[in-house]
N, C-alpha and C. Protein backbone atom coordinates (compact mmCIF):
# COMPACT_ATOMS: atom_id res chain seq x y z
N MET A 1 -139.98 -54.83 -153.58
CA MET A 1 -141.36 -55.24 -154.28
C MET A 1 -142.14 -54.08 -154.12
N SER A 2 -143.20 -54.10 -154.97
CA SER A 2 -143.74 -53.00 -154.75
C SER A 2 -144.92 -53.71 -153.98
N LEU A 3 -145.83 -52.82 -153.70
CA LEU A 3 -147.38 -52.45 -152.65
C LEU A 3 -148.25 -53.28 -153.33
N VAL A 4 -148.26 -53.50 -154.57
CA VAL A 4 -149.27 -54.21 -155.20
C VAL A 4 -148.65 -55.38 -155.18
N TRP A 5 -147.97 -55.77 -155.58
CA TRP A 5 -147.05 -57.49 -155.51
C TRP A 5 -147.64 -58.21 -153.78
N LYS A 6 -147.20 -57.17 -152.79
CA LYS A 6 -146.85 -57.88 -151.37
C LYS A 6 -148.73 -58.02 -150.94
N VAL A 7 -149.42 -56.86 -151.77
CA VAL A 7 -151.08 -57.17 -151.84
C VAL A 7 -150.80 -58.71 -152.38
N ALA A 8 -151.02 -58.61 -154.01
CA ALA A 8 -151.42 -60.49 -154.26
C ALA A 8 -150.63 -61.64 -153.49
N LEU A 9 -149.60 -61.62 -153.18
CA LEU A 9 -148.78 -62.42 -152.67
C LEU A 9 -149.37 -62.53 -151.14
N GLY A 10 -150.20 -61.11 -149.60
CA GLY A 10 -151.35 -61.64 -149.13
C GLY A 10 -152.48 -62.07 -149.63
N LEU A 11 -152.88 -62.25 -150.37
CA LEU A 11 -154.57 -62.51 -150.73
C LEU A 11 -154.15 -64.43 -151.38
N VAL A 12 -153.27 -64.62 -152.13
CA VAL A 12 -153.04 -65.89 -152.66
C VAL A 12 -152.78 -66.64 -151.26
N VAL A 13 -151.57 -65.88 -149.96
CA VAL A 13 -151.66 -66.83 -148.85
C VAL A 13 -153.02 -66.93 -147.73
N ALA A 14 -153.55 -65.76 -148.09
CA ALA A 14 -154.83 -66.03 -146.88
C ALA A 14 -155.43 -67.00 -147.81
N LEU A 15 -155.96 -67.07 -149.42
CA LEU A 15 -156.96 -67.49 -149.51
C LEU A 15 -156.59 -69.42 -150.42
N MET A 16 -155.40 -69.27 -150.09
CA MET A 16 -154.31 -70.68 -150.68
C MET A 16 -154.10 -71.48 -149.38
N LEU A 17 -153.83 -71.11 -148.14
CA LEU A 17 -153.62 -72.26 -146.96
C LEU A 17 -154.90 -72.41 -146.31
N PRO A 18 -155.98 -71.67 -146.73
CA PRO A 18 -157.20 -73.04 -145.55
C PRO A 18 -157.51 -73.70 -147.18
N VAL A 19 -157.52 -73.25 -148.11
CA VAL A 19 -157.55 -74.39 -148.72
C VAL A 19 -157.19 -75.57 -149.15
N ALA A 20 -156.05 -75.18 -148.94
CA ALA A 20 -154.63 -76.29 -148.94
C ALA A 20 -154.75 -77.36 -147.74
N ALA A 21 -155.18 -77.05 -146.19
CA ALA A 21 -155.27 -77.53 -145.42
C ALA A 21 -156.38 -78.95 -145.55
N TYR A 22 -157.25 -77.60 -146.54
CA TYR A 22 -158.08 -78.93 -146.43
C TYR A 22 -158.32 -80.33 -147.56
N ALA A 23 -157.20 -79.17 -148.30
CA ALA A 23 -157.68 -81.05 -149.48
C ALA A 23 -155.82 -81.76 -148.43
N ALA A 24 -155.09 -81.63 -147.83
CA ALA A 24 -154.38 -81.84 -146.43
C ALA A 24 -155.26 -83.01 -145.74
N GLY A 25 -156.27 -82.71 -145.16
CA GLY A 25 -156.80 -82.89 -144.13
C GLY A 25 -157.96 -84.48 -145.08
N THR A 26 -158.76 -84.11 -146.52
CA THR A 26 -159.43 -84.53 -146.97
C THR A 26 -158.58 -85.83 -147.78
N LEU A 27 -157.40 -85.94 -148.16
CA LEU A 27 -156.64 -87.28 -148.56
C LEU A 27 -155.71 -87.71 -147.78
N THR A 28 -155.65 -87.64 -145.97
CA THR A 28 -155.15 -88.35 -145.21
C THR A 28 -155.68 -88.80 -144.82
N ALA A 29 -157.14 -88.10 -144.41
CA ALA A 29 -158.86 -89.42 -144.10
C ALA A 29 -158.64 -90.56 -144.15
N PRO A 30 -158.90 -91.22 -142.87
CA PRO A 30 -159.29 -92.77 -143.22
C PRO A 30 -160.31 -93.02 -144.62
N SER A 31 -160.57 -93.91 -145.26
CA SER A 31 -161.18 -93.87 -146.47
C SER A 31 -162.54 -95.08 -146.25
N ASP A 32 -162.18 -95.54 -144.85
CA ASP A 32 -163.40 -97.49 -144.81
C ASP A 32 -164.12 -96.34 -143.58
N SER A 33 -165.08 -97.02 -144.29
CA SER A 33 -167.03 -96.37 -144.07
C SER A 33 -166.74 -97.17 -141.96
N PRO A 34 -167.64 -96.49 -141.60
CA PRO A 34 -167.38 -96.89 -139.88
C PRO A 34 -168.31 -98.24 -140.12
N ALA A 35 -168.14 -99.12 -139.09
CA ALA A 35 -168.23 -100.51 -139.05
C ALA A 35 -169.94 -100.45 -139.00
N PRO A 36 -170.64 -101.39 -139.29
CA PRO A 36 -172.02 -100.86 -138.69
C PRO A 36 -172.33 -101.36 -137.78
N ARG A 37 -173.24 -100.46 -137.30
CA ARG A 37 -173.56 -100.70 -135.92
C ARG A 37 -174.70 -102.42 -135.74
N GLY A 38 -174.47 -102.60 -134.09
CA GLY A 38 -175.92 -103.68 -134.33
C GLY A 38 -177.02 -103.28 -133.49
N ASP A 39 -178.42 -103.78 -134.35
CA ASP A 39 -179.86 -103.65 -133.97
C ASP A 39 -179.63 -103.33 -132.01
N ILE A 40 -180.39 -102.67 -131.73
CA ILE A 40 -180.50 -102.16 -130.42
C ILE A 40 -181.99 -103.14 -130.74
N VAL A 41 -182.65 -104.10 -129.09
CA VAL A 41 -183.20 -105.05 -129.05
C VAL A 41 -183.62 -104.55 -127.45
N ILE A 42 -184.89 -104.42 -127.46
CA ILE A 42 -185.16 -104.61 -126.45
C ILE A 42 -186.27 -104.80 -126.16
N ASP A 43 -186.16 -106.24 -125.33
CA ASP A 43 -186.21 -107.08 -124.75
C ASP A 43 -187.61 -106.93 -123.23
N ASP A 44 -188.49 -107.55 -123.19
CA ASP A 44 -189.56 -107.05 -121.94
C ASP A 44 -189.40 -108.76 -121.50
N SER A 45 -189.04 -109.48 -121.08
CA SER A 45 -188.91 -110.77 -120.75
C SER A 45 -188.51 -110.56 -119.08
N PRO A 46 -188.15 -111.28 -118.31
CA PRO A 46 -187.92 -111.07 -117.22
C PRO A 46 -186.09 -110.89 -117.03
N SER A 47 -185.39 -110.17 -116.12
CA SER A 47 -184.26 -109.96 -115.41
C SER A 47 -183.67 -111.14 -116.13
N PRO A 48 -181.74 -111.55 -116.08
CA PRO A 48 -181.82 -112.82 -116.19
C PRO A 48 -181.53 -113.21 -114.26
N THR A 49 -181.33 -111.83 -112.89
CA THR A 49 -181.45 -112.84 -111.80
C THR A 49 -182.86 -113.04 -110.86
N THR A 50 -183.49 -113.20 -112.17
CA THR A 50 -184.95 -113.42 -111.75
C THR A 50 -185.41 -115.06 -112.49
N LYS A 51 -185.78 -116.49 -111.61
CA LYS A 51 -185.68 -117.70 -111.78
C LYS A 51 -186.82 -117.82 -112.27
N THR A 52 -186.50 -118.19 -113.67
CA THR A 52 -188.51 -118.31 -114.16
C THR A 52 -188.37 -119.99 -114.85
N ALA A 53 -189.38 -120.66 -114.39
CA ALA A 53 -189.75 -122.24 -114.81
C ALA A 53 -189.78 -122.63 -116.38
N ASP A 54 -189.22 -123.61 -116.96
CA ASP A 54 -189.47 -123.69 -118.13
C ASP A 54 -190.69 -123.55 -118.62
N PRO A 55 -191.17 -122.98 -120.18
CA PRO A 55 -192.02 -122.88 -121.05
C PRO A 55 -193.12 -123.64 -119.81
N GLY A 56 -193.18 -124.79 -120.10
CA GLY A 56 -194.11 -125.95 -119.86
C GLY A 56 -194.37 -126.74 -119.09
N GLY A 57 -193.40 -126.26 -117.47
CA GLY A 57 -193.79 -126.45 -116.31
C GLY A 57 -194.71 -125.51 -116.04
N VAL A 58 -195.14 -124.10 -116.46
CA VAL A 58 -195.40 -122.95 -115.68
C VAL A 58 -196.83 -123.45 -115.32
N THR A 59 -197.44 -123.57 -114.29
CA THR A 59 -198.81 -123.99 -114.42
C THR A 59 -199.54 -122.55 -114.02
N LYS A 60 -200.96 -122.52 -114.19
CA LYS A 60 -201.87 -121.46 -114.58
C LYS A 60 -201.69 -120.57 -113.00
N ALA A 61 -201.59 -121.46 -111.85
CA ALA A 61 -201.21 -120.43 -110.90
C ALA A 61 -199.67 -119.54 -110.73
N GLN A 62 -199.47 -120.23 -111.29
CA GLN A 62 -197.77 -119.93 -111.02
C GLN A 62 -197.77 -118.22 -112.04
N LYS A 63 -198.38 -118.43 -113.40
CA LYS A 63 -198.86 -117.63 -113.70
C LYS A 63 -199.09 -116.87 -113.27
N GLU A 64 -200.64 -116.83 -112.99
CA GLU A 64 -201.20 -116.23 -111.99
C GLU A 64 -200.34 -114.85 -111.14
N ALA A 65 -199.58 -115.61 -110.23
CA ALA A 65 -199.28 -115.37 -109.37
C ALA A 65 -198.13 -113.61 -109.69
N GLN A 66 -197.31 -114.38 -110.99
CA GLN A 66 -196.21 -113.27 -111.65
C GLN A 66 -197.32 -112.66 -112.17
N GLU A 67 -198.54 -112.66 -112.79
CA GLU A 67 -198.48 -111.47 -113.17
C GLU A 67 -199.27 -110.33 -111.97
N LYS A 68 -199.66 -111.16 -110.87
CA LYS A 68 -200.23 -109.76 -109.79
C LYS A 68 -198.62 -109.41 -109.50
N ALA A 69 -197.70 -110.04 -109.27
CA ALA A 69 -196.59 -109.58 -108.82
C ALA A 69 -196.16 -108.32 -109.62
N ARG A 70 -196.11 -108.56 -110.97
CA ARG A 70 -195.81 -107.23 -112.25
C ARG A 70 -196.77 -106.26 -111.67
N GLU A 71 -197.63 -106.83 -111.84
CA GLU A 71 -198.71 -105.25 -111.43
C GLU A 71 -198.64 -104.35 -110.59
N ARG A 72 -198.62 -105.37 -109.11
CA ARG A 72 -198.08 -104.31 -107.75
C ARG A 72 -196.69 -103.52 -108.49
N ARG A 73 -195.75 -104.06 -108.67
CA ARG A 73 -194.39 -103.60 -109.24
C ARG A 73 -194.75 -102.12 -110.25
N ARG A 74 -195.24 -102.45 -110.91
CA ARG A 74 -196.15 -101.98 -112.10
C ARG A 74 -196.99 -99.86 -110.73
N ASP A 75 -197.67 -101.09 -110.30
CA ASP A 75 -198.65 -99.83 -108.90
C ASP A 75 -197.71 -99.12 -108.46
N SER A 76 -196.63 -99.84 -107.47
CA SER A 76 -195.76 -98.86 -106.68
C SER A 76 -194.82 -98.22 -107.30
N GLN A 77 -194.18 -98.52 -108.35
CA GLN A 77 -193.35 -97.38 -109.42
C GLN A 77 -194.73 -96.19 -109.91
N ASP A 78 -195.89 -96.09 -110.12
CA ASP A 78 -197.03 -95.41 -110.80
C ASP A 78 -196.95 -94.26 -109.41
N GLN A 79 -197.07 -95.46 -108.16
CA GLN A 79 -197.21 -94.73 -106.52
C GLN A 79 -196.33 -93.63 -106.95
N LYS A 80 -194.64 -94.38 -106.73
CA LYS A 80 -194.14 -93.48 -106.32
C LYS A 80 -193.62 -92.40 -107.28
N ARG A 81 -194.17 -91.89 -108.59
CA ARG A 81 -194.20 -90.86 -109.65
C ARG A 81 -194.87 -90.49 -108.91
N ASP A 82 -196.38 -90.98 -109.10
CA ASP A 82 -197.10 -89.72 -108.49
C ASP A 82 -197.16 -89.17 -107.10
N ASP A 83 -196.00 -89.51 -106.23
CA ASP A 83 -196.23 -88.98 -105.13
C ASP A 83 -194.93 -87.54 -105.46
N ARG A 84 -194.01 -88.26 -106.00
CA ARG A 84 -193.08 -87.26 -106.46
C ARG A 84 -193.58 -86.09 -107.28
N ASP A 85 -194.61 -85.99 -108.00
CA ASP A 85 -195.18 -85.30 -108.92
C ASP A 85 -196.32 -84.55 -107.62
N ASP A 86 -196.46 -85.14 -106.39
CA ASP A 86 -197.57 -84.75 -105.46
C ASP A 86 -197.15 -83.26 -104.12
N ARG A 87 -195.84 -83.55 -104.84
CA ARG A 87 -194.93 -82.84 -103.62
C ARG A 87 -195.19 -81.23 -103.57
N GLY A 88 -195.63 -80.62 -101.86
CA GLY A 88 -195.79 -79.05 -101.89
C GLY A 88 -194.67 -78.59 -101.83
N ASP A 89 -193.74 -78.85 -102.26
CA ASP A 89 -193.08 -77.94 -102.01
C ASP A 89 -192.76 -77.31 -103.65
N VAL A 90 -193.74 -77.04 -104.28
CA VAL A 90 -193.67 -75.98 -105.59
C VAL A 90 -195.49 -75.39 -104.91
N LYS A 91 -194.86 -74.18 -105.14
CA LYS A 91 -196.09 -72.87 -104.86
C LYS A 91 -196.42 -72.67 -106.02
N VAL A 92 -198.05 -72.72 -106.88
CA VAL A 92 -198.47 -72.61 -107.50
C VAL A 92 -199.05 -71.48 -107.65
N VAL A 93 -198.22 -70.38 -109.19
CA VAL A 93 -198.98 -68.63 -108.68
C VAL A 93 -200.09 -68.59 -109.80
N THR A 94 -201.36 -67.85 -109.61
CA THR A 94 -202.03 -67.70 -110.52
C THR A 94 -201.86 -66.47 -110.28
N PRO A 95 -201.74 -65.61 -111.97
CA PRO A 95 -201.85 -63.88 -112.09
C PRO A 95 -203.62 -63.50 -111.64
N LYS A 96 -203.57 -62.43 -110.72
CA LYS A 96 -205.05 -62.36 -110.69
C LYS A 96 -205.30 -60.57 -110.55
N PRO A 97 -205.33 -60.15 -111.90
CA PRO A 97 -204.96 -59.05 -112.00
C PRO A 97 -206.31 -57.75 -111.31
N THR A 98 -205.15 -57.05 -110.63
CA THR A 98 -206.31 -55.76 -110.39
C THR A 98 -207.65 -54.92 -110.90
N PRO A 99 -208.31 -54.72 -110.32
CA PRO A 99 -209.79 -53.80 -110.65
C PRO A 99 -208.71 -52.28 -111.16
N VAL A 100 -209.31 -51.78 -112.35
CA VAL A 100 -208.34 -50.64 -112.51
C VAL A 100 -209.74 -49.35 -111.75
N THR A 101 -209.06 -48.76 -111.37
CA THR A 101 -210.52 -47.90 -111.00
C THR A 101 -209.88 -46.17 -111.34
N ASN A 102 -210.65 -45.26 -111.60
CA ASN A 102 -210.34 -43.66 -112.28
C ASN A 102 -210.72 -43.21 -111.46
N ASN A 103 -210.75 -42.97 -110.14
CA ASN A 103 -211.50 -41.84 -109.00
C ASN A 103 -212.52 -40.60 -109.28
N GLY A 104 -213.17 -41.58 -109.82
CA GLY A 104 -214.07 -40.99 -110.93
C GLY A 104 -214.12 -39.59 -111.52
N SER A 105 -212.88 -39.72 -112.46
CA SER A 105 -212.74 -39.04 -113.64
C SER A 105 -212.87 -40.18 -114.77
N ASP A 106 -212.79 -39.34 -115.85
CA ASP A 106 -213.24 -39.64 -117.72
C ASP A 106 -211.83 -39.59 -118.17
N ASP A 107 -210.79 -39.93 -117.80
CA ASP A 107 -209.71 -39.78 -118.53
C ASP A 107 -209.33 -41.19 -118.55
N GLY A 108 -209.55 -42.07 -118.36
CA GLY A 108 -209.09 -43.58 -118.06
C GLY A 108 -207.15 -43.19 -117.08
N GLY A 109 -207.84 -42.81 -115.77
CA GLY A 109 -206.63 -43.09 -115.39
C GLY A 109 -205.49 -41.85 -115.39
N ASP A 110 -205.23 -41.12 -116.63
CA ASP A 110 -204.16 -40.17 -116.70
C ASP A 110 -204.58 -38.95 -115.98
N ASP A 111 -203.90 -39.28 -114.75
CA ASP A 111 -203.91 -38.53 -113.63
C ASP A 111 -202.60 -37.81 -113.36
N ASP A 112 -201.44 -37.12 -114.77
CA ASP A 112 -200.23 -37.17 -114.32
C ASP A 112 -200.58 -35.21 -115.17
N GLY A 113 -201.60 -34.69 -115.36
CA GLY A 113 -201.63 -33.08 -114.92
C GLY A 113 -201.69 -32.75 -116.55
N ASP A 114 -201.51 -33.80 -117.77
CA ASP A 114 -201.19 -32.90 -119.42
C ASP A 114 -201.50 -33.42 -120.18
N ASP A 115 -202.97 -32.85 -120.15
CA ASP A 115 -204.45 -32.67 -120.75
C ASP A 115 -204.15 -32.42 -122.16
N GLY A 116 -203.52 -31.74 -122.18
CA GLY A 116 -202.93 -31.14 -123.29
C GLY A 116 -203.51 -29.46 -123.71
N GLY A 117 -204.07 -29.09 -122.74
CA GLY A 117 -204.15 -28.03 -122.42
C GLY A 117 -205.89 -27.26 -122.76
N ASP A 118 -206.62 -28.73 -122.76
CA ASP A 118 -207.57 -28.13 -123.91
C ASP A 118 -208.96 -28.68 -122.50
N ASP A 119 -208.62 -28.33 -121.21
CA ASP A 119 -210.13 -28.37 -120.10
C ASP A 119 -211.35 -27.48 -120.08
N GLU A 120 -211.41 -27.10 -121.49
CA GLU A 120 -213.30 -26.21 -121.72
C GLU A 120 -214.19 -26.88 -121.13
N GLY A 121 -214.26 -28.73 -121.67
CA GLY A 121 -215.07 -29.55 -122.20
C GLY A 121 -215.78 -29.43 -124.07
N ASP A 122 -215.03 -29.15 -124.55
CA ASP A 122 -215.75 -28.52 -126.18
C ASP A 122 -214.53 -29.35 -126.89
N ASP A 123 -215.32 -29.85 -128.46
CA ASP A 123 -214.67 -31.11 -128.63
C ASP A 123 -213.22 -30.15 -129.17
N ASP A 124 -213.41 -28.76 -129.50
CA ASP A 124 -211.86 -27.96 -130.03
C ASP A 124 -210.49 -28.30 -129.27
N ASP A 125 -209.40 -27.88 -129.82
CA ASP A 125 -208.85 -28.15 -129.06
C ASP A 125 -207.52 -26.76 -129.00
N ASP A 126 -208.61 -25.48 -129.45
CA ASP A 126 -208.27 -23.77 -128.89
C ASP A 126 -207.89 -23.74 -127.64
N GLY A 127 -208.43 -24.71 -126.64
CA GLY A 127 -208.35 -23.87 -125.56
C GLY A 127 -209.79 -22.66 -124.89
N GLY A 128 -210.58 -22.20 -126.18
CA GLY A 128 -211.84 -21.78 -125.65
C GLY A 128 -213.33 -22.68 -125.88
N ASP A 129 -214.39 -21.65 -125.66
CA ASP A 129 -215.72 -22.02 -125.88
C ASP A 129 -216.00 -21.43 -126.81
N ASP A 130 -216.57 -22.09 -128.14
CA ASP A 130 -217.34 -22.27 -128.96
C ASP A 130 -218.93 -21.67 -129.11
């Protein structure tokens, strides 16, 4: 078998093997659509452990007492959240930049001595006074 046939066979196997696996997976996959899911209902009514009177038998004073109890629970929960937020265990760090001093020079604080050779005070970089 010549080298050309070996390369062609290798390419066919390398390309056809994944295509065949995809086709086999598609054919064997279940064609049934998933079962529909039920709706999520959020109910703010009292929990099942709370005993409630029948709506016609609840007096105005009982309703007010229940409302006050709910408020106290909400306030208690809010206070707990605030207590967790107000813990002193987190140190707040605010960056404060330090002022830059130039130590009496006018080179912007560059004191490494590489001024480019022009220390004569003129505008030319030739090193001499013109």
